[in-house]
C-alpha atoms as a PDB file:
ATOM      1  CA  ASN A   1     -94.636 -83.899  -6.711  1.00  0.00           C
ATOM      2  CA  SER A   2     -94.048 -80.864  -8.863  1.00  0.00           C
ATOM      3  CA  ASN A   3     -95.810 -79.498 -11.924  1.00  0.00           C
ATOM      4  CA  ASP A   4     -93.266 -81.254 -14.176  1.00  0.00           C
ATOM      5  CA  PHE A   5     -92.487 -84.583 -12.488  1.00  0.00           C
ATOM      6  CA  ARG A   6     -93.075 -86.910  -9.549  1.00  0.00           C
ATOM      7  CA  ILE A   7     -90.400 -88.549  -7.365  1.00  0.00           C
ATOM      8  CA  GLU A   8     -90.888 -91.898  -5.654  1.00  0.00           C
ATOM      9  CA  THR A   9     -88.301 -92.791  -2.978  1.00  0.00           C
ATOM     10  CA  GLU A  10     -88.112 -94.150   0.564  1.00  0.00           C
ATOM     11  CA  MET A  11     -86.454 -91.068   2.074  1.00  0.00           C
ATOM     12  CA  VAL A  12     -85.767 -87.543   0.850  1.00  0.00           C
ATOM     13  CA  ILE A  13     -84.532 -84.309   2.414  1.00  0.00           C
ATOM     14  CA  PHE A  14     -86.461 -81.382   0.940  1.00  0.00           C
ATOM     15  CA  ASN A  15     -85.907 -77.658   1.447  1.00  0.00           C
ATOM     16  CA  ARG A  16     -89.017 -75.826   0.235  1.00  0.00           C
ATOM     17  CA  ASN A  17     -87.457 -72.345   0.521  1.00  0.00           C
ATOM     18  CA  LYS A  18     -84.380 -73.213  -1.570  1.00  0.00           C
ATOM     19  CA  GLN A  19     -86.305 -75.654  -3.802  1.00  0.00           C
ATOM     20  CA  THR A  20     -83.683 -78.367  -3.240  1.00  0.00           C
ATOM     21  CA  ALA A  21     -84.005 -82.074  -2.506  1.00  0.00           C
ATOM     22  CA  LYS A  22     -81.626 -84.998  -2.081  1.00  0.00           C
ATOM     23  CA  SER A  23     -81.739 -88.678  -1.379  1.00  0.00           C
ATOM     24  CA  LYS A  24     -79.299 -91.578  -1.097  1.00  0.00           C
ATOM     25  CA  ALA A  25     -82.114 -94.136  -1.485  1.00  0.00           C
ATOM     26  CA  LYS A  26     -83.248 -95.805  -4.701  1.00  0.00           C
ATOM     27  CA  SER A  27     -85.457 -93.311  -6.510  1.00  0.00           C
ATOM     28  CA  LYS A  28     -87.762 -93.093  -9.485  1.00  0.00           C
ATOM     29  CA  PHE A  29     -88.495 -89.858 -11.378  1.00  0.00           C
ATOM     30  CA  ILE A  30     -91.645 -89.969 -13.457  1.00  0.00           C
ATOM     31  CA  SER A  31     -92.763 -87.357 -15.981  1.00  0.00           C
ATOM     32  CA  ASP A  32     -95.044 -87.424 -19.016  1.00  0.00           C
ATOM     33  CA  ASN A  33     -92.563 -89.094 -21.372  1.00  0.00           C
ATOM     34  CA  THR A  34     -89.636 -90.144 -19.171  1.00  0.00           C
ATOM     35  CA  ILE A  35     -88.877 -92.475 -16.273  1.00  0.00           C
ATOM     36  CA  ILE A  36     -85.459 -92.317 -14.566  1.00  0.00           C
ATOM     37  CA  SER A  37     -84.450 -94.837 -11.909  1.00  0.00           C
ATOM     38  CA  SER A  38     -81.299 -94.165  -9.874  1.00  0.00           C
ATOM     39  CA  ASP A  39     -79.505 -94.935  -6.614  1.00  0.00           C
ATOM     40  CA  GLY A  40     -80.107 -91.384  -5.381  1.00  0.00           C
ATOM     41  CA  PHE A  41     -80.244 -87.795  -6.587  1.00  0.00           C
ATOM     42  CA  ASN A  42     -79.511 -84.168  -5.777  1.00  0.00           C
ATOM     43  CA  ILE A  43     -81.828 -81.399  -6.985  1.00  0.00           C
ATOM     44  CA  TYR A  44     -80.170 -77.996  -6.606  1.00  0.00           C
ATOM     45  CA  ASP A  45     -79.815 -74.510  -8.147  1.00  0.00           C
ATOM     46  CA  ASN A  46     -83.342 -73.560  -7.056  1.00  0.00           C
ATOM     47  CA  GLY A  47     -84.705 -76.794  -8.502  1.00  0.00           C
ATOM     48  CA  GLU A  48     -83.226 -76.203 -11.967  1.00  0.00           C
ATOM     49  CA  LYS A  49     -80.555 -78.968 -11.961  1.00  0.00           C
ATOM     50  CA  ILE A  50     -80.600 -82.648 -11.047  1.00  0.00           C
ATOM     51  CA  ILE A  51     -77.662 -85.008 -10.552  1.00  0.00           C
ATOM     52  CA  PHE A  52     -78.469 -88.724 -10.467  1.00  0.00           C
ATOM     53  CA  HIS A  53     -76.219 -90.921  -8.303  1.00  0.00           C
ATOM     54  CA  GLY A  54     -75.031 -94.496  -8.768  1.00  0.00           C
ATOM     55  CA  SER A  55     -76.503 -96.725 -11.379  1.00  0.00           C
ATOM     56  CA  ALA A  56     -79.171 -94.883 -13.369  1.00  0.00           C
ATOM     57  CA  ASN A  57     -81.560 -96.049 -16.091  1.00  0.00           C
ATOM     58  CA  ILE A  58     -83.698 -93.878 -18.325  1.00  0.00           C
ATOM     59  CA  ILE A  59     -86.803 -94.886 -20.262  1.00  0.00           C
ATOM     60  CA  LEU A  60     -88.046 -92.486 -22.933  1.00  0.00           C
ATOM     61  CA  LYS A  61     -91.533 -93.082 -24.266  1.00  0.00           C
ATOM     62  CA  TRP A  62     -91.345 -93.369 -28.023  1.00  0.00           C
ATOM     63  CA  ASN A  63     -94.499 -91.340 -28.743  1.00  0.00           C
ATOM     64  CA  CYS A  64     -92.804 -88.173 -27.426  1.00  0.00           C
ATOM     65  CA  PHE A  65     -90.548 -88.236 -30.534  1.00  0.00           C
ATOM     66  CA  LEU A  66     -93.292 -88.763 -33.083  1.00  0.00           C
ATOM     67  CA  ASN A  67     -95.042 -85.769 -34.597  1.00  0.00           C
END
């Protein structure tokens, strides 16, 4: 968990000092208006960048675009 999103996966390698994480297992990222499912991920650059691996699907909640 972070302040911005939650990750659900079977196995992850996390480095708290460098704020990095990676996994080769199926993963689900969940935030307020977005869900991303992928075959793995790599969070790097002090937690600022994410690369999703393999097949990835994104679901954007429609209400986030309505104002």
